[in-house]
Amino acid sequence: MTWVVRLNMVGLAISLLVWTFADNELQDWCEECPFGERSQKGTKDPKKLMDELGEALKEIA
């Protein structure tokens, strides 16, 4: 293999790792919902929760 192919493989591996471990809006919403790890920061208003869920789903779509 040439060095260009190896460099491309390293770049692809780094990109996949970042994509896999980076949080997205839906993960943030799940952590802040009443059953999440950061539930104290979130709201308990069902209407606001559904609005925030809709926004999170739009972000990942």
Protein backbone atom coordinates (compact mmCIF):
# COMPACT_ATOMS: atom_id res chain seq x y z
CA MET A 1 0.00 0.00 0.00
CA THR A 2 1.15 3.47 -0.64
CA TRP A 3 1.30 6.17 1.99
CA VAL A 4 -1.73 7.94 0.45
CA VAL A 5 -3.96 4.92 0.98
CA ARG A 6 -2.73 4.53 4.55
CA LEU A 7 -3.34 8.22 5.23
CA ASN A 8 -6.89 7.90 3.88
CA MET A 9 -7.54 4.87 6.08
CA VAL A 10 -6.33 6.74 9.17
CA GLY A 11 -8.52 9.72 8.30
CA LEU A 12 -11.53 7.48 7.83
CA ALA A 13 -10.90 5.71 11.15
CA ILE A 14 -10.65 9.03 13.00
CA SER A 15 -13.85 10.28 11.37
CA LEU A 16 -15.72 7.13 12.36
CA LEU A 17 -14.53 7.39 15.97
CA VAL A 18 -15.63 11.01 16.24
CA TRP A 19 -19.01 10.21 14.65
CA THR A 20 -19.55 7.23 16.97
CA PHE A 21 -18.68 8.91 20.26
CA ALA A 22 -19.98 12.46 19.67
CA ASP A 23 -23.34 13.26 21.24
CA ASN A 24 -26.15 14.47 19.04
CA GLU A 25 -29.30 16.42 19.92
CA LEU A 26 -31.38 13.29 20.54
CA GLN A 27 -28.86 11.91 23.02
CA ASP A 28 -28.81 15.25 24.82
CA TRP A 29 -32.63 15.24 25.00
CA CYS A 30 -32.67 11.69 26.39
CA GLU A 31 -30.20 12.62 29.12
CA GLU A 32 -32.24 15.68 30.13
CA CYS A 33 -35.68 14.03 30.08
CA PRO A 34 -37.18 12.99 33.48
CA PHE A 35 -35.66 9.50 33.19
CA GLY A 36 -32.21 10.64 32.02
CA GLU A 37 -28.92 11.07 33.82
CA ARG A 38 -29.22 14.87 33.92
CA SER A 39 -32.91 14.99 34.81
CA GLN A 40 -32.43 17.87 37.27
CA LYS A 41 -31.47 20.19 34.41
CA GLY A 42 -34.47 19.24 32.29
CA THR A 43 -38.10 20.20 32.50
CA LYS A 44 -41.08 18.11 33.57
CA ASP A 45 -43.60 19.97 31.41
CA PRO A 46 -44.87 17.38 28.88
CA LYS A 47 -45.62 19.97 26.17
CA LYS A 48 -42.11 21.43 26.40
CA LEU A 49 -40.58 17.93 26.43
CA MET A 50 -42.42 17.00 23.23
CA ASP A 51 -41.40 20.28 21.56
CA GLU A 52 -37.76 19.65 22.48
CA LEU A 53 -38.03 16.06 21.22
CA GLY A 54 -39.38 17.31 17.91
CA GLU A 55 -36.49 19.73 17.57
CA ALA A 56 -33.97 17.00 18.42
CA LEU A 57 -35.46 14.68 15.81
CA LYS A 58 -35.29 17.44 13.19
CA GLU A 59 -31.60 17.96 13.96
CA ILE A 60 -30.66 14.32 13.35
CA ALA A 61 -32.86 13.83 10.29
